[in-house]
Amino acid sequence: MQTNVTSEQKVFAITAHIAYLLGIGFILAPLLILLLRKDDPFVIHHAKQALGAHVIILILSSIVFFLCMFLIGILLIPILAILWILLLVTSIIAAIRALNGELYYYPFIQSIINKF
C-alpha cells in the first residue's frame, strides 16, 4: 500500500482504468489523466498501465477486424472476445487496487508498458 495517497489521486487512478465502462473514453481518458497529472507518480503509474492495456487491445482488435475482410479474422474473434473479458476483469481489479492505494500491473504486457 502506498502511503499518503489522497482521495483525489485514487479517483484519477480509478478513472484511468474504468473510464471506458463509464462511457468517458477508452484511450482519451487515461491519456488526459497522464498528461494532466504528470507530477503525481501514483496516478502516472495507473494511467500508464491503463493506457498501455487499452492501446494493446485496440491494436489487436483492429488487426482482427482487418483480417475479417479476408475471413481469417473470423477464427480469431473468440480469442479477441476472451481478451476483452480479460481486460474487463483486470480493469476492475486495477480499480480496486487503486481504491486501496496500491499499485497494479496488468499481466502479460509489462515489458511493453515499461518502454513508455
PDB file of N, CA and C in Angstrom:
ATOM      1  N   MET A   1       0.841  -1.181   0.000  1.00  0.00           N
ATOM      2  CA  MET A   1       0.000   0.000   0.000  1.00  0.00           C
ATOM      3  C   MET A   1       0.888   1.248   0.000  1.00  0.00           C
ATOM      4  N   GLN A   2       0.528   2.186  -0.834  1.00  0.00           N
ATOM      5  CA  GLN A   2       1.241   3.452  -0.909  1.00  0.00           C
ATOM      6  C   GLN A   2       0.870   4.294   0.312  1.00  0.00           C
ATOM      7  N   THR A   3       1.806   5.078   0.771  1.00  0.00           N
ATOM      8  CA  THR A   3       1.499   5.971   1.874  1.00  0.00           C
ATOM      9  C   THR A   3       1.063   7.320   1.321  1.00  0.00           C
ATOM     10  N   ASN A   4       0.167   7.953   2.048  1.00  0.00           N
ATOM     11  CA  ASN A   4      -0.289   9.303   1.710  1.00  0.00           C
ATOM     12  C   ASN A   4      -0.939   9.425   0.336  1.00  0.00           C
ATOM     13  N   VAL A   5      -1.711   8.453  -0.061  1.00  0.00           N
ATOM     14  CA  VAL A   5      -2.461   8.546  -1.314  1.00  0.00           C
ATOM     15  C   VAL A   5      -3.784   9.228  -1.001  1.00  0.00           C
ATOM     16  N   THR A   6      -4.031  10.339  -1.660  1.00  0.00           N
ATOM     17  CA  THR A   6      -5.248  11.111  -1.391  1.00  0.00           C
ATOM     18  C   THR A   6      -6.444  10.538  -2.149  1.00  0.00           C
ATOM     19  N   SER A   7      -7.608  10.975  -1.756  1.00  0.00           N
ATOM     20  CA  SER A   7      -8.839  10.558  -2.451  1.00  0.00           C
ATOM     21  C   SER A   7      -8.827  11.031  -3.897  1.00  0.00           C
ATOM     22  N   GLU A   8      -8.311  12.227  -4.120  1.00  0.00           N
ATOM     23  CA  GLU A   8      -8.233  12.761  -5.478  1.00  0.00           C
ATOM     24  C   GLU A   8      -7.342  11.880  -6.365  1.00  0.00           C
ATOM     25  N   GLN A   9      -6.198  11.452  -5.839  1.00  0.00           N
ATOM     26  CA  GLN A   9      -5.308  10.564  -6.592  1.00  0.00           C
ATOM     27  C   GLN A   9      -6.015   9.253  -6.917  1.00  0.00           C
ATOM     28  N   LYS A  10      -6.745   8.726  -5.955  1.00  0.00           N
ATOM     29  CA  LYS A  10      -7.469   7.471  -6.166  1.00  0.00           C
ATOM     30  C   LYS A  10      -8.526   7.621  -7.257  1.00  0.00           C
ATOM     31  N   VAL A  11      -9.233   8.749  -7.254  1.00  0.00           N
ATOM     32  CA  VAL A  11     -10.275   8.977  -8.267  1.00  0.00           C
ATOM     33  C   VAL A  11      -9.658   9.022  -9.662  1.00  0.00           C
ATOM     34  N   PHE A  12      -8.539   9.740  -9.813  1.00  0.00           N
ATOM     35  CA  PHE A  12      -7.877   9.797 -11.114  1.00  0.00           C
ATOM     36  C   PHE A  12      -7.399   8.411 -11.547  1.00  0.00           C
ATOM     37  N   ALA A  13      -6.808   7.657 -10.623  1.00  0.00           N
ATOM     38  CA  ALA A  13      -6.300   6.324 -10.953  1.00  0.00           C
ATOM     39  C   ALA A  13      -7.435   5.380 -11.342  1.00  0.00           C
ATOM     40  N   ILE A  14      -8.505   5.398 -10.580  1.00  0.00           N
ATOM     41  CA  ILE A  14      -9.656   4.539 -10.882  1.00  0.00           C
ATOM     42  C   ILE A  14     -10.266   4.926 -12.231  1.00  0.00           C
ATOM     43  N   THR A  15     -10.403   6.211 -12.471  1.00  0.00           N
ATOM     44  CA  THR A  15     -10.974   6.686 -13.731  1.00  0.00           C
ATOM     45  C   THR A  15     -10.132   6.229 -14.921  1.00  0.00           C
ATOM     46  N   ALA A  16      -8.821   6.246 -14.776  1.00  0.00           N
ATOM     47  CA  ALA A  16      -7.949   5.801 -15.869  1.00  0.00           C
ATOM     48  C   ALA A  16      -8.248   4.356 -16.257  1.00  0.00           C
ATOM     49  N   HIS A  17      -8.544   3.523 -15.272  1.00  0.00           N
ATOM     50  CA  HIS A  17      -8.781   2.106 -15.544  1.00  0.00           C
ATOM     51  C   HIS A  17     -10.174   1.820 -16.083  1.00  0.00           C
ATOM     52  N   ILE A  18     -11.176   2.488 -15.564  1.00  0.00           N
ATOM     53  CA  ILE A  18     -12.549   2.090 -15.911  1.00  0.00           C
ATOM     54  C   ILE A  18     -13.326   3.162 -16.654  1.00  0.00           C
ATOM     55  N   ALA A  19     -12.665   4.155 -17.197  1.00  0.00           N
ATOM     56  CA  ALA A  19     -13.361   5.222 -17.918  1.00  0.00           C
ATOM     57  C   ALA A  19     -14.187   4.667 -19.074  1.00  0.00           C
ATOM     58  N   TYR A  20     -13.699   3.634 -19.737  1.00  0.00           N
ATOM     59  CA  TYR A  20     -14.442   3.074 -20.870  1.00  0.00           C
ATOM     60  C   TYR A  20     -15.751   2.436 -20.421  1.00  0.00           C
ATOM     61  N   LEU A  21     -15.816   1.975 -19.183  1.00  0.00           N
ATOM     62  CA  LEU A  21     -17.072   1.415 -18.678  1.00  0.00           C
ATOM     63  C   LEU A  21     -18.092   2.509 -18.400  1.00  0.00           C
ATOM     64  N   LEU A  22     -17.594   3.702 -18.127  1.00  0.00           N
ATOM     65  CA  LEU A  22     -18.457   4.837 -17.829  1.00  0.00           C
ATOM     66  C   LEU A  22     -18.801   5.643 -19.075  1.00  0.00           C
ATOM     67  N   GLY A  23     -18.251   5.241 -20.222  1.00  0.00           N
ATOM     68  CA  GLY A  23     -18.500   5.942 -21.470  1.00  0.00           C
ATOM     69  C   GLY A  23     -17.703   7.228 -21.612  1.00  0.00           C
ATOM     70  N   ILE A  24     -16.685   7.391 -20.799  1.00  0.00           N
ATOM     71  CA  ILE A  24     -15.899   8.628 -20.818  1.00  0.00           C
ATOM     72  C   ILE A  24     -14.838   8.600 -21.914  1.00  0.00           C
ATOM     73  N   GLY A  25     -14.222   7.468 -22.115  1.00  0.00           N
ATOM     74  CA  GLY A  25     -13.205   7.385 -23.150  1.00  0.00           C
ATOM     75  C   GLY A  25     -12.282   6.203 -22.926  1.00  0.00           C
ATOM     76  N   PHE A  26     -11.966   5.548 -23.978  1.00  0.00           N
ATOM     77  CA  PHE A  26     -11.152   4.332 -23.905  1.00  0.00           C
ATOM     78  C   PHE A  26      -9.665   4.676 -23.871  1.00  0.00           C
ATOM     79  N   ILE A  27      -9.225   5.478 -24.805  1.00  0.00           N
ATOM     80  CA  ILE A  27      -7.826   5.905 -24.883  1.00  0.00           C
ATOM     81  C   ILE A  27      -7.689   7.326 -24.337  1.00  0.00           C
ATOM     82  N   LEU A  28      -8.663   8.145 -24.619  1.00  0.00           N
ATOM     83  CA  LEU A  28      -8.584   9.559 -24.272  1.00  0.00           C
ATOM     84  C   LEU A  28      -8.501   9.805 -22.764  1.00  0.00           C
ATOM     85  N   ALA A  29      -9.295   9.115 -21.980  1.00  0.00           N
ATOM     86  CA  ALA A  29      -9.316   9.358 -20.531  1.00  0.00           C
ATOM     87  C   ALA A  29      -7.965   9.062 -19.877  1.00  0.00           C
ATOM     88  N   PRO A  30      -7.373   7.864 -20.067  1.00  0.00           N
ATOM     89  CA  PRO A  30      -6.068   7.645 -19.437  1.00  0.00           C
ATOM     90  C   PRO A  30      -4.983   8.575 -19.982  1.00  0.00           C
ATOM     91  N   LEU A  31      -5.080   8.914 -21.261  1.00  0.00           N
ATOM     92  CA  LEU A  31      -4.084   9.818 -21.851  1.00  0.00           C
ATOM     93  C   LEU A  31      -4.190  11.219 -21.234  1.00  0.00           C
ATOM     94  N   LEU A  32      -5.391  11.732 -21.109  1.00  0.00           N
ATOM     95  CA  LEU A  32      -5.578  13.041 -20.485  1.00  0.00           C
ATOM     96  C   LEU A  32      -5.132  13.039 -19.021  1.00  0.00           C
ATOM     97  N   ILE A  33      -5.461  11.983 -18.316  1.00  0.00           N
ATOM     98  CA  ILE A  33      -5.036  11.875 -16.917  1.00  0.00           C
ATOM     99  C   ILE A  33      -3.520  11.844 -16.825  1.00  0.00           C
ATOM    100  N   LEU A  34      -2.892  11.111 -17.724  1.00  0.00           N
ATOM    101  CA  LEU A  34      -1.436  11.036 -17.751  1.00  0.00           C
ATOM    102  C   LEU A  34      -0.822  12.411 -17.998  1.00  0.00           C
ATOM    103  N   LEU A  35      -1.413  13.166 -18.903  1.00  0.00           N
ATOM    104  CA  LEU A  35      -0.886  14.495 -19.222  1.00  0.00           C
ATOM    105  C   LEU A  35      -1.185  15.522 -18.131  1.00  0.00           C
ATOM    106  N   LEU A  36      -2.360  15.429 -17.529  1.00  0.00           N
ATOM    107  CA  LEU A  36      -2.751  16.415 -16.522  1.00  0.00           C
ATOM    108  C   LEU A  36      -2.083  16.195 -15.166  1.00  0.00           C
ATOM    109  N   ARG A  37      -1.756  14.956 -14.867  1.00  0.00           N
ATOM    110  CA  ARG A  37      -1.197  14.641 -13.551  1.00  0.00           C
ATOM    111  C   ARG A  37       0.245  14.148 -13.650  1.00  0.00           C
ATOM    112  N   LYS A  38       1.035  14.743 -14.539  1.00  0.00           N
ATOM    113  CA  LYS A  38       2.389  14.260 -14.797  1.00  0.00           C
ATOM    114  C   LYS A  38       3.347  14.441 -13.629  1.00  0.00           C
ATOM    115  N   ASP A  39       2.926  15.124 -12.576  1.00  0.00           N
ATOM    116  CA  ASP A  39       3.773  15.290 -11.397  1.00  0.00           C
ATOM    117  C   ASP A  39       3.386  14.344 -10.257  1.00  0.00           C
ATOM    118  N   ASP A  40       2.475  13.414 -10.522  1.00  0.00           N
ATOM    119  CA  ASP A  40       1.960  12.521  -9.491  1.00  0.00           C
ATOM    120  C   ASP A  40       2.318  11.065  -9.827  1.00  0.00           C
ATOM    121  N   PRO A  41       3.331  10.488  -9.179  1.00  0.00           N
ATOM    122  CA  PRO A  41       3.786   9.133  -9.524  1.00  0.00           C
ATOM    123  C   PRO A  41       2.708   8.050  -9.405  1.00  0.00           C
ATOM    124  N   PHE A  42       1.840   8.152  -8.396  1.00  0.00           N
ATOM    125  CA  PHE A  42       0.786   7.151  -8.218  1.00  0.00           C
ATOM    126  C   PHE A  42      -0.186   7.173  -9.392  1.00  0.00           C
ATOM    127  N   VAL A  43      -0.647   8.352  -9.756  1.00  0.00           N
ATOM    128  CA  VAL A  43      -1.603   8.496 -10.855  1.00  0.00           C
ATOM    129  C   VAL A  43      -0.927   8.160 -12.184  1.00  0.00           C
ATOM    130  N   ILE A  44       0.297   8.585 -12.369  1.00  0.00           N
ATOM    131  CA  ILE A  44       1.031   8.269 -13.601  1.00  0.00           C
ATOM    132  C   ILE A  44       1.149   6.758 -13.787  1.00  0.00           C
ATOM    133  N   HIS A  45       1.484   6.063 -12.712  1.00  0.00           N
ATOM    134  CA  HIS A  45       1.614   4.600 -12.808  1.00  0.00           C
ATOM    135  C   HIS A  45       0.309   3.975 -13.294  1.00  0.00           C
ATOM    136  N   HIS A  46      -0.797   4.348 -12.668  1.00  0.00           N
ATOM    137  CA  HIS A  46      -2.080   3.758 -13.044  1.00  0.00           C
ATOM    138  C   HIS A  46      -2.517   4.179 -14.448  1.00  0.00           C
ATOM    139  N   ALA A  47      -2.285   5.427 -14.808  1.00  0.00           N
ATOM    140  CA  ALA A  47      -2.663   5.896 -16.147  1.00  0.00           C
ATOM    141  C   ALA A  47      -1.831   5.198 -17.221  1.00  0.00           C
ATOM    142  N   LYS A  48      -0.542   5.001 -16.969  1.00  0.00           N
ATOM    143  CA  LYS A  48       0.306   4.296 -17.944  1.00  0.00           C
ATOM    144  C   LYS A  48      -0.128   2.849 -18.099  1.00  0.00           C
ATOM    145  N   GLN A  49      -0.449   2.208 -16.996  1.00  0.00           N
ATOM    146  CA  GLN A  49      -0.914   0.824 -17.053  1.00  0.00           C
ATOM    147  C   GLN A  49      -2.199   0.720 -17.872  1.00  0.00           C
ATOM    148  N   ALA A  50      -3.157   1.589 -17.561  1.00  0.00           N
ATOM    149  CA  ALA A  50      -4.444   1.560 -18.262  1.00  0.00           C
ATOM    150  C   ALA A  50      -4.267   1.898 -19.737  1.00  0.00           C
ATOM    151  N   LEU A  51      -3.526   2.949 -20.022  1.00  0.00           N
ATOM    152  CA  LEU A  51      -3.316   3.362 -21.409  1.00  0.00           C
ATOM    153  C   LEU A  51      -2.631   2.254 -22.206  1.00  0.00           C
ATOM    154  N   GLY A  52      -1.621   1.631 -21.627  1.00  0.00           N
ATOM    155  CA  GLY A  52      -0.934   0.541 -22.314  1.00  0.00           C
ATOM    156  C   GLY A  52      -1.861  -0.621 -22.626  1.00  0.00           C
ATOM    157  N   ALA A  53      -2.643  -1.038 -21.645  1.00  0.00           N
ATOM    158  CA  ALA A  53      -3.577  -2.151 -21.849  1.00  0.00           C
ATOM    159  C   ALA A  53      -4.629  -1.790 -22.888  1.00  0.00           C
ATOM    160  N   HIS A  54      -5.134  -0.566 -22.844  1.00  0.00           N
ATOM    161  CA  HIS A  54      -6.178  -0.149 -23.785  1.00  0.00           C
ATOM    162  C   HIS A  54      -5.642  -0.036 -25.208  1.00  0.00           C
ATOM    163  N   VAL A  55      -4.441   0.500 -25.356  1.00  0.00           N
ATOM    164  CA  VAL A  55      -3.846   0.615 -26.693  1.00  0.00           C
ATOM    165  C   VAL A  55      -3.577  -0.769 -27.276  1.00  0.00           C
ATOM    166  N   ILE A  56      -3.067  -1.675 -26.471  1.00  0.00           N
ATOM    167  CA  ILE A  56      -2.777  -3.023 -26.960  1.00  0.00           C
ATOM    168  C   ILE A  56      -4.057  -3.724 -27.413  1.00  0.00           C
ATOM    169  N   ILE A  57      -5.122  -3.657 -26.630  1.00  0.00           N
ATOM    170  CA  ILE A  57      -6.369  -4.321 -27.027  1.00  0.00           C
ATOM    171  C   ILE A  57      -6.968  -3.641 -28.257  1.00  0.00           C
ATOM    172  N   LEU A  58      -6.797  -2.335 -28.381  1.00  0.00           N
ATOM    173  CA  LEU A  58      -7.284  -1.626 -29.567  1.00  0.00           C
ATOM    174  C   LEU A  58      -6.527  -2.075 -30.815  1.00  0.00           C
ATOM    175  N   ILE A  59      -5.223  -2.213 -30.708  1.00  0.00           N
ATOM    176  CA  ILE A  59      -4.413  -2.675 -31.846  1.00  0.00           C
ATOM    177  C   ILE A  59      -4.799  -4.097 -32.231  1.00  0.00           C
ATOM    178  N   LEU A  60      -4.928  -4.977 -31.241  1.00  0.00           N
ATOM    179  CA  LEU A  60      -5.316  -6.361 -31.533  1.00  0.00           C
ATOM    180  C   LEU A  60      -6.705  -6.424 -32.166  1.00  0.00           C
ATOM    181  N   SER A  61      -7.625  -5.611 -31.677  1.00  0.00           N
ATOM    182  CA  SER A  61      -8.977  -5.583 -32.245  1.00  0.00           C
ATOM    183  C   SER A  61      -8.952  -5.101 -33.695  1.00  0.00           C
ATOM    184  N   SER A  62      -8.162  -4.090 -33.956  1.00  0.00           N
ATOM    185  CA  SER A  62      -8.048  -3.565 -35.327  1.00  0.00           C
ATOM    186  C   SER A  62      -7.477  -4.607 -36.270  1.00  0.00           C
ATOM    187  N   ILE A  63      -6.475  -5.332 -35.820  1.00  0.00           N
ATOM    188  CA  ILE A  63      -5.868  -6.384 -36.652  1.00  0.00           C
ATOM    189  C   ILE A  63      -6.891  -7.476 -36.952  1.00  0.00           C
ATOM    190  N   VAL A  64      -7.622  -7.914 -35.930  1.00  0.00           N
ATOM    191  CA  VAL A  64      -8.616  -8.975 -36.136  1.00  0.00           C
ATOM    192  C   VAL A  64      -9.718  -8.501 -37.076  1.00  0.00           C
ATOM    193  N   PHE A  65     -10.201  -7.287 -36.898  1.00  0.00           N
ATOM    194  CA  PHE A  65     -11.260  -6.792 -37.781  1.00  0.00           C
ATOM    195  C   PHE A  65     -10.753  -6.611 -39.208  1.00  0.00           C
ATOM    196  N   PHE A  66      -9.502  -6.215 -39.368  1.00  0.00           N
ATOM    197  CA  PHE A  66      -8.912  -6.139 -40.708  1.00  0.00           C
ATOM    198  C   PHE A  66      -8.843  -7.529 -41.327  1.00  0.00           C
ATOM    199  N   LEU A  67      -8.414  -8.509 -40.541  1.00  0.00           N
ATOM    200  CA  LEU A  67      -8.322  -9.875 -41.053  1.00  0.00           C
ATOM    201  C   LEU A  67      -9.692 -10.490 -41.347  1.00  0.00           C
ATOM    202  N   CYS A  68     -10.735  -9.961 -40.753  1.00  0.00           N
ATOM    203  CA  CYS A  68     -12.092 -10.456 -41.044  1.00  0.00           C
ATOM    204  C   CYS A  68     -12.470 -10.212 -42.505  1.00  0.00           C
ATOM    205  N   MET A  69     -11.855  -9.204 -43.125  1.00  0.00           N
ATOM    206  CA  MET A  69     -12.124  -8.954 -44.538  1.00  0.00           C
ATOM    207  C   MET A  69     -11.634 -10.128 -45.392  1.00  0.00           C
ATOM    208  N   PHE A  70     -10.671 -10.853 -44.883  1.00  0.00           N
ATOM    209  CA  PHE A  70     -10.112 -11.993 -45.611  1.00  0.00           C
ATOM    210  C   PHE A  70     -10.587 -13.317 -45.020  1.00  0.00           C
ATOM    211  N   LEU A  71     -11.598 -13.258 -44.163  1.00  0.00           N
ATOM    212  CA  LEU A  71     -12.209 -14.398 -43.497  1.00  0.00           C
ATOM    213  C   LEU A  71     -11.290 -15.079 -42.479  1.00  0.00           C
ATOM    214  N   ILE A  72     -10.029 -14.715 -42.414  1.00  0.00           N
ATOM    215  CA  ILE A  72      -9.110 -15.293 -41.428  1.00  0.00           C
ATOM    216  C   ILE A  72      -9.473 -14.802 -40.036  1.00  0.00           C
ATOM    217  N   GLY A  73      -9.844 -13.544 -39.940  1.00  0.00           N
ATOM    218  CA  GLY A  73     -10.149 -12.927 -38.658  1.00  0.00           C
ATOM    219  C   GLY A  73     -11.349 -13.518 -37.953  1.00  0.00           C
ATOM    220  N   ILE A  74     -12.254 -14.111 -38.699  1.00  0.00           N
ATOM    221  CA  ILE A  74     -13.443 -14.709 -38.091  1.00  0.00           C
ATOM    222  C   ILE A  74     -13.048 -15.780 -37.091  1.00  0.00           C
ATOM    223  N   LEU A  75     -11.977 -16.504 -37.378  1.00  0.00           N
ATOM    224  CA  LEU A  75     -11.491 -17.535 -36.460  1.00  0.00           C
ATOM    225  C   LEU A  75     -10.863 -16.928 -35.206  1.00  0.00           C
ATOM    226  N   LEU A  76     -10.440 -15.684 -35.289  1.00  0.00           N
ATOM    227  CA  LEU A  76      -9.783 -15.023 -34.160  1.00  0.00           C
ATOM    228  C   LEU A  76     -10.757 -14.264 -33.259  1.00  0.00           C
ATOM    229  N   ILE A  77     -11.994 -14.102 -33.680  1.00  0.00           N
ATOM    230  CA  ILE A  77     -12.969 -13.344 -32.892  1.00  0.00           C
ATOM    231  C   ILE A  77     -13.182 -13.947 -31.498  1.00  0.00           C
ATOM    232  N   PRO A  78     -13.289 -15.273 -31.342  1.00  0.00           N
ATOM    233  CA  PRO A  78     -13.431 -15.819 -29.978  1.00  0.00           C
ATOM    234  C   PRO A  78     -12.230 -15.501 -29.081  1.00  0.00           C
ATOM    235  N   ILE A  79     -11.046 -15.525 -29.644  1.00  0.00           N
ATOM    236  CA  ILE A  79      -9.854 -15.182 -28.869  1.00  0.00           C
ATOM    237  C   ILE A  79      -9.900 -13.716 -28.469  1.00  0.00           C
ATOM    238  N   LEU A  80     -10.311 -12.875 -29.391  1.00  0.00           N
ATOM    239  CA  LEU A  80     -10.426 -11.446 -29.100  1.00  0.00           C
ATOM    240  C   LEU A  80     -11.479 -11.197 -28.020  1.00  0.00           C
ATOM    241  N   ALA A  81     -12.565 -11.927 -28.064  1.00  0.00           N
ATOM    242  CA  ALA A  81     -13.607 -11.791 -27.041  1.00  0.00           C
ATOM    243  C   ALA A  81     -13.054 -12.158 -25.660  1.00  0.00           C
ATOM    244  N   ILE A  82     -12.257 -13.195 -25.606  1.00  0.00           N
ATOM    245  CA  ILE A  82     -11.621 -13.593 -24.334  1.00  0.00           C
ATOM    246  C   ILE A  82     -10.688 -12.492 -23.842  1.00  0.00           C
ATOM    247  N   LEU A  83      -9.942 -11.871 -24.753  1.00  0.00           N
ATOM    248  CA  LEU A  83      -9.039 -10.785 -24.368  1.00  0.00           C
ATOM    249  C   LEU A  83      -9.812  -9.580 -23.840  1.00  0.00           C
ATOM    250  N   TRP A  84     -10.966  -9.270 -24.424  1.00  0.00           N
ATOM    251  CA  TRP A  84     -11.788  -8.155 -23.933  1.00  0.00           C
ATOM    252  C   TRP A  84     -12.337  -8.468 -22.542  1.00  0.00           C
ATOM    253  N   ILE A  85     -12.739  -9.708 -22.328  1.00  0.00           N
ATOM    254  CA  ILE A  85     -13.213 -10.110 -20.994  1.00  0.00           C
ATOM    255  C   ILE A  85     -12.072 -10.017 -19.989  1.00  0.00           C
ATOM    256  N   LEU A  86     -10.883 -10.440 -20.400  1.00  0.00           N
ATOM    257  CA  LEU A  86      -9.701 -10.333 -19.539  1.00  0.00           C
ATOM    258  C   LEU A  86      -9.408  -8.869 -19.210  1.00  0.00           C
ATOM    259  N   LEU A  87      -9.545  -7.984 -20.197  1.00  0.00           N
ATOM    260  CA  LEU A  87      -9.352  -6.552 -19.949  1.00  0.00           C
ATOM    261  C   LEU A  87     -10.378  -6.036 -18.943  1.00  0.00           C
ATOM    262  N   LEU A  88     -11.615  -6.437 -19.097  1.00  0.00           N
ATOM    263  CA  LEU A  88     -12.666  -6.017 -18.171  1.00  0.00           C
ATOM    264  C   LEU A  88     -12.342  -6.448 -16.742  1.00  0.00           C
ATOM    265  N   VAL A  89     -11.981  -7.703 -16.577  1.00  0.00           N
ATOM    266  CA  VAL A  89     -11.680  -8.240 -15.245  1.00  0.00           C
ATOM    267  C   VAL A  89     -10.462  -7.546 -14.651  1.00  0.00           C
ATOM    268  N   THR A  90      -9.388  -7.409 -15.436  1.00  0.00           N
ATOM    269  CA  THR A  90      -8.177  -6.786 -14.908  1.00  0.00           C
ATOM    270  C   THR A  90      -8.377  -5.296 -14.643  1.00  0.00           C
ATOM    271  N   SER A  91      -9.224  -4.631 -15.416  1.00  0.00           N
ATOM    272  CA  SER A  91      -9.525  -3.220 -15.157  1.00  0.00           C
ATOM    273  C   SER A  91     -10.240  -3.043 -13.829  1.00  0.00           C
ATOM    274  N   ILE A  92     -11.156  -3.937 -13.537  1.00  0.00           N
ATOM    275  CA  ILE A  92     -11.877  -3.870 -12.263  1.00  0.00           C
ATOM    276  C   ILE A  92     -10.928  -4.153 -11.102  1.00  0.00           C
ATOM    277  N   ILE A  93     -10.053  -5.144 -11.270  1.00  0.00           N
ATOM    278  CA  ILE A  93      -9.052  -5.440 -10.237  1.00  0.00           C
ATOM    279  C   ILE A  93      -8.133  -4.236 -10.035  1.00  0.00           C
ATOM    280  N   ALA A  94      -7.706  -3.614 -11.134  1.00  0.00           N
ATOM    281  CA  ALA A  94      -6.831  -2.441 -11.054  1.00  0.00           C
ATOM    282  C   ALA A  94      -7.529  -1.291 -10.338  1.00  0.00           C
ATOM    283  N   ALA A  95      -8.803  -1.095 -10.611  1.00  0.00           N
ATOM    284  CA  ALA A  95      -9.559  -0.025  -9.949  1.00  0.00           C
ATOM    285  C   ALA A  95      -9.671  -0.291  -8.448  1.00  0.00           C
ATOM    286  N   ILE A  96      -9.879  -1.529  -8.077  1.00  0.00           N
ATOM    287  CA  ILE A  96      -9.954  -1.879  -6.655  1.00  0.00           C
ATOM    288  C   ILE A  96      -8.608  -1.645  -5.981  1.00  0.00           C
ATOM    289  N   ARG A  97      -7.532  -2.037  -6.665  1.00  0.00           N
ATOM    290  CA  ARG A  97      -6.194  -1.792  -6.109  1.00  0.00           C
ATOM    291  C   ARG A  97      -5.933  -0.295  -5.952  1.00  0.00           C
ATOM    292  N   ALA A  98      -6.339   0.497  -6.938  1.00  0.00           N
ATOM    293  CA  ALA A  98      -6.161   1.947  -6.849  1.00  0.00           C
ATOM    294  C   ALA A  98      -6.973   2.512  -5.684  1.00  0.00           C
ATOM    295  N   LEU A  99      -8.176   2.002  -5.497  1.00  0.00           N
ATOM    296  CA  LEU A  99      -9.013   2.439  -4.378  1.00  0.00           C
ATOM    297  C   LEU A  99      -8.329   2.161  -3.046  1.00  0.00           C
ATOM    298  N   ASN A 100      -7.595   1.070  -2.977  1.00  0.00           N
ATOM    299  CA  ASN A 100      -6.862   0.703  -1.761  1.00  0.00           C
ATOM    300  C   ASN A 100      -5.509   1.400  -1.667  1.00  0.00           C
ATOM    301  N   GLY A 101      -5.180   2.238  -2.635  1.00  0.00           N
ATOM    302  CA  GLY A 101      -3.914   2.954  -2.613  1.00  0.00           C
ATOM    303  C   GLY A 101      -2.729   2.108  -3.031  1.00  0.00           C
ATOM    304  N   GLU A 102      -2.987   1.034  -3.769  1.00  0.00           N
ATOM    305  CA  GLU A 102      -1.937   0.103  -4.199  1.00  0.00           C
ATOM    306  C   GLU A 102      -1.646   0.279  -5.684  1.00  0.00           C
ATOM    307  N   LEU A 103      -0.455  -0.121  -6.070  1.00  0.00           N
ATOM    308  CA  LEU A 103      -0.097  -0.131  -7.489  1.00  0.00           C
ATOM    309  C   LEU A 103      -0.617  -1.416  -8.103  1.00  0.00           C
ATOM    310  N   TYR A 104      -0.876  -1.386  -9.412  1.00  0.00           N
ATOM    311  CA  TYR A 104      -1.327  -2.580 -10.125  1.00  0.00           C
ATOM    312  C   TYR A 104      -0.573  -2.688 -11.434  1.00  0.00           C
ATOM    313  N   TYR A 105      -0.206  -3.913 -11.780  1.00  0.00           N
ATOM    314  CA  TYR A 105       0.487  -4.193 -13.034  1.00  0.00           C
ATOM    315  C   TYR A 105      -0.375  -5.154 -13.844  1.00  0.00           C
ATOM    316  N   TYR A 106      -0.785  -4.727 -15.035  1.00  0.00           N
ATOM    317  CA  TYR A 106      -1.562  -5.623 -15.891  1.00  0.00           C
ATOM    318  C   TYR A 106      -0.701  -6.822 -16.276  1.00  0.00           C
ATOM    319  N   PRO A 107      -1.284  -8.022 -16.262  1.00  0.00           N
ATOM    320  CA  PRO A 107      -0.493  -9.214 -16.588  1.00  0.00           C
ATOM    321  C   PRO A 107      -0.138  -9.281 -18.078  1.00  0.00           C
ATOM    322  N   PHE A 108       0.972  -9.887 -18.370  1.00  0.00           N
ATOM    323  CA  PHE A 108       1.431 -10.237 -19.724  1.00  0.00           C
ATOM    324  C   PHE A 108       1.962  -9.073 -20.559  1.00  0.00           C
ATOM    325  N   ILE A 109       1.795  -7.835 -20.135  1.00  0.00           N
ATOM    326  CA  ILE A 109       2.176  -6.720 -21.009  1.00  0.00           C
ATOM    327  C   ILE A 109       3.209  -5.781 -20.382  1.00  0.00           C
ATOM    328  N   GLN A 110       3.804  -6.175 -19.281  1.00  0.00           N
ATOM    329  CA  GLN A 110       4.710  -5.275 -18.572  1.00  0.00           C
ATOM    330  C   GLN A 110       5.931  -4.884 -19.382  1.00  0.00           C
ATOM    331  N   SER A 111       6.468  -5.787 -20.171  1.00  0.00           N
ATOM    332  CA  SER A 111       7.644  -5.434 -20.963  1.00  0.00           C
ATOM    333  C   SER A 111       7.325  -4.321 -21.963  1.00  0.00           C
ATOM    334  N   ILE A 112       6.113  -4.299 -22.463  1.00  0.00           N
ATOM    335  CA  ILE A 112       5.692  -3.249 -23.397  1.00  0.00           C
ATOM    336  C   ILE A 112       5.473  -1.935 -22.657  1.00  0.00           C
ATOM    337  N   ILE A 113       4.772  -2.002 -21.545  1.00  0.00           N
ATOM    338  CA  ILE A 113       4.458  -0.782 -20.783  1.00  0.00           C
ATOM    339  C   ILE A 113       5.712  -0.157 -20.200  1.00  0.00           C
ATOM    340  N   ASN A 114       6.664  -0.967 -19.793  1.00  0.00           N
ATOM    341  CA  ASN A 114       7.901  -0.433 -19.201  1.00  0.00           C
ATOM    342  C   ASN A 114       8.710   0.386 -20.198  1.00  0.00           C
ATOM    343  N   LYS A 115       8.466   0.239 -21.494  1.00  0.00           N
ATOM    344  CA  LYS A 115       9.176   1.009 -22.504  1.00  0.00           C
ATOM    345  C   LYS A 115       8.660   2.434 -22.642  1.00  0.00           C
ATOM    346  N   PHE A 116       7.474   2.703 -22.087  1.00  0.00           N
ATOM    347  CA  PHE A 116       6.895   4.048 -22.166  1.00  0.00           C
ATOM    348  C   PHE A 116       7.508   4.956 -21.142  1.00  0.00           C
TER     349      PHE A 116
END
